[in-house]
Amino acid sequence: MADSLKKKTGLALFWSFIDKGGQQVISLLFFYILVRLISKEDIGTVNLLAIFTIISGLLQDSGFSSALVRKKEVHPDEYTSVFYINITISFILYFILFICAPFIGSFYDKPVLTDLSRFIFLGFVFNAFAVVQNVNLIREMNFKLNTRITLFAWCISGLIAIYMAYNGYGIWSMAAQQVIQSFLRCLLLWLFVRWRPNGHFSFQRIKEMSRYSINLLLSSLFGQICNNISPLIIGKKFSLSQVATYTQGLKLTNIPQSVISDGMKSVAYPLLSKIGEDKERGKRAYRKVIRITSFISFPVAAMLIVTANPIVSIYLTEEWTDVIPILQILAVGGSFLPFFGLISSLLQYEGRSGMLLKIEACKNILILVAIAIGIQFGIQGLVAGLSIVNVLSYFISMYIAGKNISYSFREILKDTAPYIVIAIASFSPFFLLYKAGIDNVFLRLAIPVLAGSGIYLLIMRMFGSVILRETIDFVKQSLRKLNI
């Protein structure tokens, strides 16, 4: 039984990383083209609407997806009830946002935002129709099918966006990409996932799940508002071009870290749920996930800081050089981003959604304070404040959440600190490359990535890292299963 679960988890983890990584790679490739066809201000304008889409998506789901994944057995009435309540909420929210759209345009003195927002918000209506299908795939840990569906939808929507941008549709190209991607993913989930509403709608079922989901919803809602409010403030206080600068720095930071975070979280929660009430086994599994995350996250962050200059030079155009310091500062705090998803998974596994709400509330208050103080020193001051908050919040949140499984602060440091130290030691010497007079931008990127990674893995090997051995074995087994 344990070996079967371990094998299933390994495959799920592999496909989850392919899914999240594939999305980010496709997004990077298409944006590389779009950024040369669409103005920086137009990109910043679209970025302003992200917070509304994210918040609407959370309200639409209301935490019911997590409640369904967590349950050992799900009654058909529960699936059907969640399906209909999600659709109802999505239509209500779309109607409200449709009415409020002119106020968004007038607030930023950008009339195009009215029609643009009404179009982009259609995406979360499409998403509502496929929430339960997605839950079924997660419960079955069938990330392989999920990956194929998602990547296909991303590819088609990206190609359409490039075609539109090339033919002069400008800002509407990026809007179309978002809506078409949501529509295609919804369509494919309905085609390939067999679930259909076959129960009865029950307010009682919704009420029972709400006892767990309401705290999760409030926690996620507060968190997303605080994490995504910065572009709104920058757009009002500074300019839409600087919104684009900030969001691209954040995006480049979050791309690798969100792949790690989403990949690990999407496997950690169903894994812990399947383990059940065995606290000791749950703690071992959780600590292992923390070590794997540390093994990957910290060297990636160090690599980003060292290679920020060549990355921006290759990926973006000359008008985007102001992204470099933003990327470097955000990468420090971004290295701790994947762990917050794991903290959430642990507390959901323990059924402590109330504690999750309290932790998120404290963290988000710190974020708002950091924004209020940091914005006085410009965008770099703002991002420095956010990075500091991420680091502090990690240790505080991990300690509080860890109490539920007797995960001591000493164990937390033991599972993370060595990877931080080794990552810094492996990559920091390559800052000297810029003083060595190497002009070729590709060499300035390749040398730190290859040499730094080699040094990092060599040090790990010298210290007999168990995680390194397990990661290598896992990759070999996954490749054999895929006949690669």
Protein backbone atom coordinates (compact mmCIF):
# COMPACT_ATOMS: atom_id res chain seq x y z
CA MET A 1 0.00 0.00 0.00
CA ALA A 2 2.76 2.44 1.00
CA ASP A 3 4.83 1.57 -2.11
CA SER A 4 1.77 2.00 -4.33
CA LEU A 5 1.06 5.43 -2.88
CA LYS A 6 4.72 6.40 -3.18
CA LYS A 7 4.79 5.32 -6.83
CA LYS A 8 1.54 7.16 -7.61
CA THR A 9 2.80 10.27 -5.85
CA GLY A 10 6.06 10.19 -7.82
CA LEU A 11 4.23 10.07 -11.14
CA ALA A 12 1.80 12.76 -10.02
CA LEU A 13 4.69 14.99 -8.97
CA PHE A 14 6.43 14.46 -12.31
CA TRP A 15 3.35 15.37 -14.37
CA SER A 16 2.48 18.24 -12.07
CA PHE A 17 5.90 19.80 -12.71
CA ILE A 18 5.50 19.21 -16.44
CA ASP A 19 2.10 20.93 -16.28
CA LYS A 20 3.22 23.98 -14.32
CA GLY A 21 6.59 24.21 -16.05
CA GLY A 22 5.05 23.76 -19.48
CA GLN A 23 2.59 26.58 -18.85
CA GLN A 24 5.40 28.91 -17.85
CA VAL A 25 7.64 27.97 -20.79
CA ILE A 26 4.80 28.47 -23.27
CA SER A 27 3.89 31.76 -21.59
CA LEU A 28 7.51 32.94 -21.86
CA LEU A 29 7.79 32.01 -25.53
CA PHE A 30 4.57 33.73 -26.53
CA PHE A 31 5.27 36.83 -24.44
CA TYR A 32 8.75 37.06 -26.00
CA ILE A 33 6.96 37.61 -29.32
CA LEU A 34 4.07 39.70 -28.00
CA VAL A 35 6.34 42.16 -26.18
CA ARG A 36 7.79 43.09 -29.57
CA LEU A 37 4.34 43.66 -31.07
CA ILE A 38 2.48 45.37 -28.22
CA SER A 39 3.41 48.57 -26.37
CA LYS A 40 4.65 48.51 -22.79
CA GLU A 41 1.74 50.70 -21.66
CA ASP A 42 -0.82 48.32 -23.19
CA ILE A 43 0.79 45.40 -21.35
CA GLY A 44 0.58 47.37 -18.11
CA THR A 45 -3.10 48.11 -18.79
CA VAL A 46 -3.96 44.41 -19.10
CA ASN A 47 -1.95 43.66 -15.94
CA LEU A 48 -4.16 46.05 -13.96
CA LEU A 49 -7.13 43.71 -14.37
CA ALA A 50 -5.39 40.63 -12.96
CA ILE A 51 -6.51 41.30 -9.39
CA PHE A 52 -10.19 41.42 -10.39
CA THR A 53 -9.94 38.11 -12.25
CA ILE A 54 -8.11 36.42 -9.36
CA ILE A 55 -10.55 37.64 -6.71
CA SER A 56 -13.57 36.69 -8.83
CA GLY A 57 -12.11 33.22 -9.33
CA LEU A 58 -11.71 32.74 -5.58
CA LEU A 59 -15.24 33.94 -4.82
CA GLN A 60 -16.58 31.71 -7.57
CA ASP A 61 -14.87 28.61 -6.13
CA SER A 62 -15.49 29.64 -2.49
CA GLY A 63 -13.05 27.02 -1.20
CA PHE A 64 -15.33 24.13 -2.22
CA SER A 65 -12.70 22.55 -4.49
CA SER A 66 -10.35 22.08 -1.56
CA ALA A 67 -13.22 20.73 0.56
CA LEU A 68 -14.02 18.11 -2.10
CA VAL A 69 -10.35 17.08 -2.53
CA ARG A 70 -10.02 16.68 1.23
CA LYS A 71 -13.00 14.33 1.67
CA LYS A 72 -12.39 10.58 1.73
CA GLU A 73 -15.64 9.86 -0.08
CA VAL A 74 -17.67 12.37 -2.08
CA HIS A 75 -21.41 11.97 -2.53
CA PRO A 76 -22.84 12.74 -6.02
CA ASP A 77 -25.02 15.43 -4.42
CA GLU A 78 -21.88 17.20 -3.18
CA TYR A 79 -20.33 17.30 -6.66
CA THR A 80 -23.59 18.50 -8.21
CA SER A 81 -24.19 21.12 -5.52
CA VAL A 82 -20.71 22.59 -5.94
CA PHE A 83 -21.13 22.57 -9.71
CA TYR A 84 -24.34 24.60 -9.65
CA ILE A 85 -23.27 26.97 -6.87
CA ASN A 86 -20.04 27.80 -8.73
CA ILE A 87 -21.91 28.60 -11.92
CA THR A 88 -24.48 30.74 -10.08
CA ILE A 89 -21.81 32.73 -8.24
CA SER A 90 -19.81 33.25 -11.45
CA PHE A 91 -22.79 34.76 -13.29
CA ILE A 92 -23.62 37.02 -10.35
CA LEU A 93 -20.01 38.21 -10.12
CA TYR A 94 -19.78 38.79 -13.86
CA PHE A 95 -22.96 40.89 -13.77
CA ILE A 96 -21.57 43.00 -10.90
CA LEU A 97 -18.22 43.52 -12.64
CA PHE A 98 -19.96 44.28 -15.95
CA ILE A 99 -21.85 47.11 -14.23
CA CYS A 100 -18.72 48.36 -12.42
CA ALA A 101 -16.44 48.26 -15.48
CA PRO A 102 -16.91 51.99 -16.36
CA PHE A 103 -15.70 52.95 -12.89
CA ILE A 104 -12.45 51.02 -13.47
CA GLY A 105 -11.90 52.93 -16.73
CA SER A 106 -12.62 56.32 -15.18
CA PHE A 107 -10.45 55.68 -12.09
CA TYR A 108 -7.37 55.22 -14.28
CA ASP A 109 -8.59 57.66 -16.96
CA LYS A 110 -8.34 54.80 -19.47
CA PRO A 111 -11.71 54.36 -21.29
CA VAL A 112 -10.58 51.17 -23.04
CA LEU A 113 -10.58 49.42 -19.65
CA THR A 114 -14.38 49.38 -19.66
CA ASP A 115 -14.81 47.10 -22.67
CA LEU A 116 -11.52 45.30 -22.03
CA SER A 117 -12.50 44.27 -18.50
CA ARG A 118 -15.96 43.12 -19.59
CA PHE A 119 -14.32 40.84 -22.14
CA ILE A 120 -11.51 39.48 -19.94
CA PHE A 121 -13.91 38.68 -17.08
CA LEU A 122 -15.66 36.14 -19.32
CA GLY A 123 -12.70 33.86 -18.57
CA PHE A 124 -13.74 33.08 -14.99
CA VAL A 125 -17.30 32.30 -16.18
CA PHE A 126 -15.88 29.60 -18.45
CA ASN A 127 -13.69 28.33 -15.60
CA ALA A 128 -16.77 27.86 -13.39
CA PHE A 129 -18.16 25.17 -15.69
CA ALA A 130 -15.07 22.97 -15.26
CA VAL A 131 -14.27 23.26 -11.55
CA VAL A 132 -15.72 19.85 -10.62
CA GLN A 133 -14.04 18.11 -13.57
CA ASN A 134 -10.74 19.55 -12.38
CA VAL A 135 -11.42 18.35 -8.83
CA ASN A 136 -11.99 14.82 -10.14
CA LEU A 137 -8.58 14.80 -11.83
CA ILE A 138 -6.88 16.08 -8.66
CA ARG A 139 -8.60 13.48 -6.46
CA GLU A 140 -7.46 10.74 -8.83
CA MET A 141 -3.99 12.37 -9.00
CA ASN A 142 -4.38 12.19 -12.79
CA PHE A 143 -2.01 15.06 -13.54
CA LYS A 144 -1.02 13.54 -16.86
CA LEU A 145 -4.40 14.28 -18.48
CA ASN A 146 -4.59 17.64 -16.74
CA THR A 147 -1.19 18.55 -18.17
CA ARG A 148 -2.12 17.62 -21.72
CA ILE A 149 -5.36 19.61 -21.60
CA THR A 150 -3.76 22.69 -20.07
CA LEU A 151 -0.77 22.81 -22.41
CA PHE A 152 -2.94 22.35 -25.50
CA ALA A 153 -5.21 25.22 -24.42
CA TRP A 154 -2.18 27.44 -23.74
CA CYS A 155 -0.60 26.69 -27.12
CA ILE A 156 -3.73 27.37 -29.19
CA SER A 157 -4.65 30.55 -27.30
CA GLY A 158 -1.05 31.80 -27.56
CA LEU A 159 -0.91 31.26 -31.31
CA ILE A 160 -4.19 33.12 -31.76
CA ALA A 161 -2.87 36.01 -29.64
CA ILE A 162 0.30 36.28 -31.77
CA TYR A 163 -1.77 36.25 -34.98
CA MET A 164 -3.98 39.05 -33.61
CA ALA A 165 -1.02 41.12 -32.40
CA TYR A 166 0.73 40.77 -35.75
CA ASN A 167 -2.40 42.06 -37.47
CA GLY A 168 -2.60 45.15 -35.26
CA TYR A 169 -5.13 44.20 -32.56
CA GLY A 170 -2.70 45.36 -29.86
CA ILE A 171 -4.07 45.19 -26.33
CA TRP A 172 -6.96 42.93 -27.41
CA SER A 173 -4.49 40.21 -28.36
CA MET A 174 -3.51 39.61 -24.75
CA ALA A 175 -7.15 39.79 -23.64
CA ALA A 176 -8.16 37.21 -26.25
CA GLN A 177 -5.39 34.87 -25.12
CA GLN A 178 -6.76 34.78 -21.56
CA VAL A 179 -10.39 34.21 -22.55
CA ILE A 180 -9.70 31.63 -25.27
CA GLN A 181 -7.39 29.68 -22.95
CA SER A 182 -10.15 29.46 -20.31
CA PHE A 183 -12.75 28.44 -22.89
CA LEU A 184 -10.58 25.73 -24.47
CA ARG A 185 -9.58 24.24 -21.12
CA CYS A 186 -13.23 24.11 -20.04
CA LEU A 187 -14.24 22.46 -23.31
CA LEU A 188 -11.48 19.84 -23.15
CA LEU A 189 -12.22 18.96 -19.52
CA TRP A 190 -15.84 18.32 -20.46
CA LEU A 191 -14.74 16.15 -23.38
CA PHE A 192 -12.18 14.02 -21.52
CA VAL A 193 -13.49 13.85 -17.93
CA ARG A 194 -16.55 11.64 -17.66
CA TRP A 195 -18.22 13.37 -14.70
CA ARG A 196 -21.61 14.96 -15.33
CA PRO A 197 -24.11 16.39 -12.81
CA ASN A 198 -25.93 13.25 -11.65
CA GLY A 199 -27.05 14.18 -8.17
CA HIS A 200 -29.37 16.73 -6.61
CA PHE A 201 -28.56 20.24 -5.48
CA SER A 202 -28.51 20.40 -1.70
CA PHE A 203 -28.13 23.51 0.45
CA GLN A 204 -27.40 21.21 3.37
CA ARG A 205 -24.35 19.76 1.55
CA ILE A 206 -23.12 23.26 0.72
CA LYS A 207 -23.65 24.35 4.32
CA GLU A 208 -21.64 21.39 5.65
CA MET A 209 -18.72 22.07 3.31
CA SER A 210 -18.89 25.80 4.06
CA ARG A 211 -17.85 25.19 7.65
CA TYR A 212 -14.45 24.18 6.32
CA SER A 213 -14.27 26.26 3.14
CA ILE A 214 -15.28 29.68 4.49
CA ASN A 215 -12.04 30.18 6.42
CA LEU A 216 -10.05 28.93 3.45
CA LEU A 217 -11.90 31.36 1.17
CA LEU A 218 -11.34 34.34 3.45
CA SER A 219 -7.68 33.43 3.84
CA SER A 220 -7.12 33.11 0.09
CA LEU A 221 -9.17 36.22 -0.65
CA PHE A 222 -7.27 38.43 1.80
CA GLY A 223 -3.98 36.99 0.59
CA GLN A 224 -4.65 37.57 -3.10
CA ILE A 225 -5.86 41.12 -2.50
CA CYS A 226 -2.66 41.99 -0.65
CA ASN A 227 -0.41 40.15 -3.10
CA ASN A 228 -1.97 41.76 -6.16
CA ILE A 229 -2.80 45.27 -4.95
CA SER A 230 0.64 46.66 -5.82
CA PRO A 231 -0.06 47.09 -9.58
CA LEU A 232 -3.22 49.07 -8.77
CA ILE A 233 -1.26 51.42 -6.52
CA ILE A 234 1.64 51.75 -8.97
CA GLY A 235 -0.76 52.45 -11.84
CA LYS A 236 -2.44 55.25 -9.91
CA LYS A 237 0.63 56.77 -8.23
CA PHE A 238 3.14 56.36 -11.08
CA SER A 239 2.33 55.12 -14.61
CA LEU A 240 1.02 52.14 -16.57
CA SER A 241 4.53 51.57 -17.97
CA GLN A 242 5.84 51.09 -14.44
CA VAL A 243 2.99 48.66 -13.76
CA ALA A 244 4.40 46.63 -16.66
CA THR A 245 7.93 46.92 -15.20
CA TYR A 246 6.80 45.68 -11.80
CA THR A 247 4.62 42.86 -13.13
CA GLN A 248 7.33 41.58 -15.47
CA GLY A 249 9.89 41.57 -12.66
CA LEU A 250 7.39 39.71 -10.50
CA LYS A 251 6.52 37.33 -13.33
CA LEU A 252 10.14 36.43 -14.06
CA THR A 253 10.69 35.84 -10.34
CA ASN A 254 7.53 33.81 -9.89
CA ILE A 255 7.83 31.67 -13.01
CA PRO A 256 10.31 29.15 -11.59
CA GLN A 257 9.10 29.52 -8.02
CA SER A 258 5.42 29.12 -8.91
CA VAL A 259 6.29 25.99 -10.90
CA ILE A 260 7.95 24.61 -7.76
CA SER A 261 5.13 25.86 -5.51
CA ASP A 262 2.21 24.66 -7.62
CA GLY A 263 3.92 21.40 -8.45
CA MET A 264 4.73 20.52 -4.85
CA LYS A 265 1.44 21.82 -3.41
CA SER A 266 -0.72 20.02 -5.95
CA VAL A 267 0.87 16.74 -4.87
CA ALA A 268 1.43 17.47 -1.15
CA TYR A 269 -2.21 18.06 -0.26
CA PRO A 270 -3.73 14.94 -1.86
CA LEU A 271 -0.73 12.93 -0.56
CA LEU A 272 -1.30 14.08 3.04
CA SER A 273 -5.03 13.49 2.63
CA LYS A 274 -4.40 9.89 1.57
CA ILE A 275 -2.04 9.29 4.51
CA GLY A 276 -4.90 10.24 6.82
CA GLU A 277 -4.60 10.24 10.61
CA ASP A 278 -1.08 8.76 10.92
CA LYS A 279 0.61 11.86 12.37
CA GLU A 280 4.14 10.46 12.41
CA ARG A 281 3.94 9.30 8.82
CA GLY A 282 2.41 12.63 7.85
CA LYS A 283 5.27 14.51 9.48
CA ARG A 284 7.91 12.43 7.66
CA ALA A 285 6.17 13.02 4.34
CA TYR A 286 5.84 16.76 5.02
CA ARG A 287 9.49 17.19 6.02
CA LYS A 288 10.59 15.37 2.90
CA VAL A 289 8.51 17.70 0.72
CA ILE A 290 10.04 20.69 2.54
CA ARG A 291 13.57 19.42 1.87
CA ILE A 292 12.87 18.75 -1.79
CA THR A 293 11.42 22.25 -2.13
CA SER A 294 14.47 23.78 -0.40
CA PHE A 295 16.81 21.74 -2.60
CA ILE A 296 15.22 23.28 -5.72
CA SER A 297 13.96 26.72 -4.65
CA PHE A 298 17.03 28.36 -3.10
CA PRO A 299 19.54 27.64 -5.89
CA VAL A 300 16.97 28.77 -8.46
CA ALA A 301 16.59 32.08 -6.61
CA ALA A 302 20.36 32.55 -6.39
CA MET A 303 20.64 31.79 -10.10
CA LEU A 304 17.98 34.42 -10.89
CA ILE A 305 19.77 37.11 -8.91
CA VAL A 306 23.09 36.47 -10.63
CA THR A 307 21.66 36.18 -14.15
CA ALA A 308 19.00 38.94 -14.00
CA ASN A 309 20.93 41.20 -16.37
CA PRO A 310 21.41 38.73 -19.24
CA ILE A 311 17.90 37.30 -18.78
CA VAL A 312 16.26 40.71 -19.24
CA SER A 313 18.64 41.64 -22.06
CA ILE A 314 17.77 38.49 -24.02
CA TYR A 315 14.10 38.17 -23.18
CA LEU A 316 12.92 41.79 -23.31
CA THR A 317 13.77 44.89 -25.32
CA GLU A 318 15.94 47.86 -24.28
CA GLU A 319 13.02 49.81 -22.78
CA TRP A 320 12.65 47.06 -20.16
CA THR A 321 16.10 47.37 -18.49
CA ASP A 322 14.43 48.84 -15.37
CA VAL A 323 13.14 45.31 -14.69
CA ILE A 324 16.65 44.09 -13.69
CA PRO A 325 16.84 45.48 -10.11
CA ILE A 326 13.18 44.63 -9.52
CA LEU A 327 13.84 41.02 -10.50
CA GLN A 328 16.90 40.75 -8.25
CA ILE A 329 15.15 42.16 -5.18
CA LEU A 330 12.01 40.09 -5.65
CA ALA A 331 14.02 36.90 -6.15
CA VAL A 332 15.19 37.05 -2.52
CA GLY A 333 11.68 36.94 -1.09
CA GLY A 334 10.47 34.77 -3.97
CA SER A 335 12.70 31.92 -2.87
CA PHE A 336 10.32 31.42 0.08
CA LEU A 337 7.16 31.56 -2.03
CA PRO A 338 6.83 27.77 -2.60
CA PHE A 339 6.75 27.10 1.13
CA PHE A 340 3.56 29.08 1.75
CA GLY A 341 1.65 26.64 -0.44
CA LEU A 342 3.03 23.76 1.63
CA ILE A 343 2.03 25.48 4.87
CA SER A 344 -1.46 25.83 3.46
CA SER A 345 -1.49 22.14 2.50
CA LEU A 346 -0.43 21.11 6.01
CA LEU A 347 -3.13 23.17 7.72
CA GLN A 348 -5.80 21.97 5.28
CA TYR A 349 -4.68 18.39 5.95
CA GLU A 350 -5.04 19.05 9.68
CA GLY A 351 -8.45 20.67 9.12
CA ARG A 352 -7.12 23.90 10.64
CA SER A 353 -8.46 26.36 8.08
CA GLY A 354 -9.14 28.81 10.93
CA MET A 355 -5.45 28.91 11.81
CA LEU A 356 -4.59 29.36 8.14
CA LEU A 357 -6.84 32.43 8.10
CA LYS A 358 -5.06 33.89 11.14
CA ILE A 359 -1.60 33.28 9.66
CA GLU A 360 -2.61 34.84 6.34
CA ALA A 361 -4.15 37.81 8.14
CA CYS A 362 -0.90 38.54 10.01
CA LYS A 363 1.17 38.12 6.86
CA ASN A 364 -1.07 40.36 4.80
CA ILE A 365 -1.13 43.10 7.40
CA LEU A 366 2.67 43.11 7.18
CA ILE A 367 2.41 43.29 3.37
CA LEU A 368 0.11 46.31 3.52
CA VAL A 369 2.46 48.05 5.97
CA ALA A 370 5.44 47.27 3.72
CA ILE A 371 3.60 48.68 0.69
CA ALA A 372 2.59 51.84 2.55
CA ILE A 373 6.16 52.50 3.68
CA GLY A 374 8.02 51.18 0.66
CA ILE A 375 6.01 53.09 -1.97
CA GLN A 376 7.43 56.31 -0.53
CA PHE A 377 10.83 55.21 -1.88
CA GLY A 378 9.59 54.27 -5.34
CA ILE A 379 9.04 50.85 -6.87
CA GLN A 380 12.36 49.46 -5.61
CA GLY A 381 11.44 50.45 -2.06
CA LEU A 382 8.10 48.71 -2.45
CA VAL A 383 9.58 45.43 -3.71
CA ALA A 384 12.29 45.48 -1.02
CA GLY A 385 9.58 45.70 1.62
CA LEU A 386 7.66 42.82 0.06
CA SER A 387 10.77 40.61 -0.04
CA ILE A 388 11.53 41.25 3.62
CA VAL A 389 7.95 40.40 4.59
CA ASN A 390 8.14 37.10 2.64
CA VAL A 391 11.26 35.99 4.51
CA LEU A 392 9.94 36.93 7.96
CA SER A 393 6.49 35.49 7.27
CA TYR A 394 7.94 32.16 6.21
CA PHE A 395 9.70 31.44 9.49
CA ILE A 396 6.78 32.69 11.60
CA SER A 397 4.16 30.78 9.59
CA MET A 398 6.20 27.57 9.41
CA TYR A 399 6.76 27.59 13.16
CA ILE A 400 3.07 28.15 13.96
CA ALA A 401 1.82 25.59 11.43
CA GLY A 402 4.51 23.08 12.40
CA LYS A 403 3.24 22.89 15.97
CA ASN A 404 0.37 20.71 14.76
CA ILE A 405 2.78 17.91 13.83
CA SER A 406 5.48 18.71 16.43
CA TYR A 407 7.70 20.20 13.73
CA SER A 408 10.16 22.21 15.82
CA PHE A 409 11.97 25.39 14.78
CA ARG A 410 15.25 23.49 14.98
CA GLU A 411 13.94 20.93 12.49
CA ILE A 412 12.72 23.73 10.22
CA LEU A 413 16.21 25.24 10.13
CA LYS A 414 17.76 21.81 9.61
CA ASP A 415 15.51 21.21 6.59
CA THR A 416 16.10 24.61 4.92
CA ALA A 417 19.23 26.45 6.14
CA PRO A 418 21.85 24.12 4.54
CA TYR A 419 20.33 24.64 1.10
CA ILE A 420 20.36 28.43 1.53
CA VAL A 421 24.03 28.47 2.53
CA ILE A 422 25.14 26.11 -0.25
CA ALA A 423 23.12 28.04 -2.89
CA ILE A 424 24.75 31.34 -1.87
CA ALA A 425 28.22 29.77 -1.85
CA SER A 426 27.66 28.19 -5.29
CA PHE A 427 26.33 31.20 -7.22
CA SER A 428 27.60 34.39 -5.54
CA PRO A 429 31.12 34.19 -7.09
CA PHE A 430 29.59 34.70 -10.54
CA PHE A 431 28.75 38.32 -9.79
CA LEU A 432 32.40 38.88 -10.75
CA LEU A 433 31.58 38.00 -14.36
CA TYR A 434 30.27 41.50 -14.96
CA LYS A 435 33.60 42.92 -13.84
CA ALA A 436 35.56 40.46 -15.96
CA GLY A 437 34.62 42.25 -19.16
CA ILE A 438 32.60 39.43 -20.77
CA ASP A 439 30.42 41.19 -23.32
CA ASN A 440 28.58 38.22 -24.82
CA VAL A 441 25.19 38.17 -23.11
CA PHE A 442 24.65 34.45 -23.75
CA LEU A 443 27.96 33.60 -22.05
CA ARG A 444 27.01 35.78 -19.09
CA LEU A 445 23.86 33.68 -18.79
CA ALA A 446 25.26 30.23 -19.55
CA ILE A 447 28.36 30.32 -17.31
CA PRO A 448 26.58 31.01 -14.00
CA VAL A 449 23.73 28.62 -14.82
CA LEU A 450 25.95 25.68 -15.80
CA ALA A 451 28.93 26.25 -13.52
CA GLY A 452 26.85 27.37 -10.54
CA SER A 453 24.50 24.41 -10.84
CA GLY A 454 27.48 22.08 -11.18
CA ILE A 455 29.11 23.47 -8.04
CA TYR A 456 25.82 23.24 -6.14
CA LEU A 457 25.27 19.59 -7.07
CA LEU A 458 28.92 18.74 -6.41
CA ILE A 459 28.74 20.17 -2.89
CA MET A 460 25.52 18.25 -2.31
CA ARG A 461 27.20 15.07 -3.50
CA MET A 462 30.21 15.67 -1.25
CA PHE A 463 27.93 15.98 1.78
CA GLY A 464 26.05 12.82 0.81
CA SER A 465 22.70 14.52 0.25
CA VAL A 466 19.85 11.99 0.53
CA ILE A 467 17.49 14.33 -1.34
CA LEU A 468 19.90 14.48 -4.29
CA ARG A 469 20.03 10.70 -4.52
CA GLU A 470 16.25 10.39 -4.24
CA THR A 471 15.71 13.09 -6.88
CA ILE A 472 18.08 11.38 -9.34
CA ASP A 473 16.41 8.00 -8.73
CA PHE A 474 12.98 9.57 -9.15
CA VAL A 475 13.94 11.18 -12.49
CA LYS A 476 15.41 7.89 -13.77
CA GLN A 477 12.28 5.96 -12.80
CA SER A 478 9.99 8.58 -14.36
CA LEU A 479 11.95 8.53 -17.63
CA ARG A 480 11.83 4.74 -17.77
CA LYS A 481 8.06 4.80 -17.26
CA LEU A 482 7.75 7.28 -20.11
CA ASN A 483 10.07 5.19 -22.32
CA ILE A 484 12.52 8.10 -22.68
